[in-house]
Amino acid sequence: MSQTKREQVISHIRYLRQELREMHLGIKEDDLFPEPGELRGLMAQLEALLELIDGNTKIQSNSEAA
């Protein structure tokens, strides 16, 4: 994985971890569930991360076949 993509993945994961921690604390301490929009935003971030990783995996598998 290129350094730039690795940094993007790390950035996505850090962001997601922070958001999930905040949601968990809200549920645990205040019994407040996240808004649907917040959940959709996290799902979009997970999709973007998956696309970034899958795109790189496909490139690697094609170069290995050559």
C-alpha atoms as a PDB file:
ATOM      1  CA  MET A   1       0.000   0.000   0.000  1.00  0.00           C
ATOM      2  CA  SER A   2       1.421   3.377  -0.891  1.00  0.00           C
ATOM      3  CA  GLN A   3       2.313   5.752   1.906  1.00  0.00           C
ATOM      4  CA  THR A   4      -0.458   8.184   0.935  1.00  0.00           C
ATOM      5  CA  LYS A   5      -3.146   5.486   0.979  1.00  0.00           C
ATOM      6  CA  ARG A   6      -1.777   4.133   4.256  1.00  0.00           C
ATOM      7  CA  GLU A   7      -2.081   7.610   5.780  1.00  0.00           C
ATOM      8  CA  GLN A   8      -5.630   7.942   4.453  1.00  0.00           C
ATOM      9  CA  VAL A   9      -6.606   4.602   5.980  1.00  0.00           C
ATOM     10  CA  ILE A  10      -5.039   5.530   9.310  1.00  0.00           C
ATOM     11  CA  SER A  11      -6.860   8.872   9.272  1.00  0.00           C
ATOM     12  CA  HIS A  12     -10.206   7.204   8.509  1.00  0.00           C
ATOM     13  CA  ILE A  13      -9.726   4.643  11.264  1.00  0.00           C
ATOM     14  CA  ARG A  14      -8.771   7.278  13.853  1.00  0.00           C
ATOM     15  CA  TYR A  15     -11.823   9.345  12.955  1.00  0.00           C
ATOM     16  CA  LEU A  16     -14.137   6.334  13.141  1.00  0.00           C
ATOM     17  CA  ARG A  17     -12.706   5.202  16.484  1.00  0.00           C
ATOM     18  CA  GLN A  18     -13.257   8.649  17.989  1.00  0.00           C
ATOM     19  CA  GLU A  19     -16.818   8.881  16.700  1.00  0.00           C
ATOM     20  CA  LEU A  20     -17.642   5.393  17.969  1.00  0.00           C
ATOM     21  CA  ARG A  21     -16.139   6.166  21.386  1.00  0.00           C
ATOM     22  CA  GLU A  22     -18.312   9.261  21.670  1.00  0.00           C
ATOM     23  CA  MET A  23     -21.420   7.315  20.679  1.00  0.00           C
ATOM     24  CA  HIS A  24     -20.588   4.548  23.138  1.00  0.00           C
ATOM     25  CA  LEU A  25     -20.135   7.011  25.991  1.00  0.00           C
ATOM     26  CA  GLY A  26     -23.417   8.707  25.114  1.00  0.00           C
ATOM     27  CA  ILE A  27     -25.235   5.393  25.226  1.00  0.00           C
ATOM     28  CA  LYS A  28     -23.481   4.144  28.347  1.00  0.00           C
ATOM     29  CA  GLU A  29     -23.603   7.290  30.472  1.00  0.00           C
ATOM     30  CA  ASP A  30     -26.700   9.124  29.275  1.00  0.00           C
ATOM     31  CA  ASP A  31     -28.768   6.395  27.614  1.00  0.00           C
ATOM     32  CA  LEU A  32     -28.828   8.613  24.517  1.00  0.00           C
ATOM     33  CA  PHE A  33     -28.779   6.886  21.181  1.00  0.00           C
ATOM     34  CA  PRO A  34     -27.083   8.589  18.218  1.00  0.00           C
ATOM     35  CA  GLU A  35     -29.131  10.399  15.619  1.00  0.00           C
ATOM     36  CA  PRO A  36     -29.796   8.472  12.393  1.00  0.00           C
ATOM     37  CA  GLY A  37     -27.756  11.054  10.476  1.00  0.00           C
ATOM     38  CA  GLU A  38     -24.732  10.373  12.666  1.00  0.00           C
ATOM     39  CA  LEU A  39     -25.018   6.655  11.981  1.00  0.00           C
ATOM     40  CA  ARG A  40     -25.382   7.267   8.253  1.00  0.00           C
ATOM     41  CA  GLY A  41     -22.271   9.442   8.348  1.00  0.00           C
ATOM     42  CA  LEU A  42     -20.262   6.699  10.033  1.00  0.00           C
ATOM     43  CA  MET A  43     -21.559   4.142   7.567  1.00  0.00           C
ATOM     44  CA  ALA A  44     -20.473   6.412   4.708  1.00  0.00           C
ATOM     45  CA  GLN A  45     -17.012   6.691   6.258  1.00  0.00           C
ATOM     46  CA  LEU A  46     -16.812   2.899   6.579  1.00  0.00           C
ATOM     47  CA  GLU A  47     -17.858   2.529   2.938  1.00  0.00           C
ATOM     48  CA  ALA A  48     -15.184   5.018   1.857  1.00  0.00           C
ATOM     49  CA  LEU A  49     -12.573   3.131   3.857  1.00  0.00           C
ATOM     50  CA  LEU A  50     -13.668  -0.166   2.352  1.00  0.00           C
ATOM     51  CA  GLU A  51     -13.498   1.267  -1.172  1.00  0.00           C
ATOM     52  CA  LEU A  52     -10.029   2.641  -0.493  1.00  0.00           C
ATOM     53  CA  ILE A  53      -8.828  -0.725   0.760  1.00  0.00           C
ATOM     54  CA  ASP A  54     -10.627  -2.777  -1.914  1.00  0.00           C
ATOM     55  CA  GLY A  55      -9.312  -0.554  -4.686  1.00  0.00           C
ATOM     56  CA  ASN A  56      -5.779  -1.090  -3.475  1.00  0.00           C
ATOM     57  CA  THR A  57      -6.297  -4.851  -3.054  1.00  0.00           C
ATOM     58  CA  LYS A  58      -7.542  -5.187  -6.642  1.00  0.00           C
ATOM     59  CA  ILE A  59      -4.484  -3.345  -7.946  1.00  0.00           C
ATOM     60  CA  GLN A  60      -2.159  -5.589  -5.930  1.00  0.00           C
ATOM     61  CA  SER A  61      -3.872  -8.787  -7.056  1.00  0.00           C
ATOM     62  CA  ASN A  62      -3.662  -7.720 -10.712  1.00  0.00           C
ATOM     63  CA  SER A  63       0.051  -6.945 -10.428  1.00  0.00           C
ATOM     64  CA  GLU A  64       0.701 -10.280  -8.700  1.00  0.00           C
ATOM     65  CA  ALA A  65      -1.004 -12.143 -11.565  1.00  0.00           C
ATOM     66  CA  ALA A  66       1.348 -10.535 -14.108  1.00  0.00           C
END
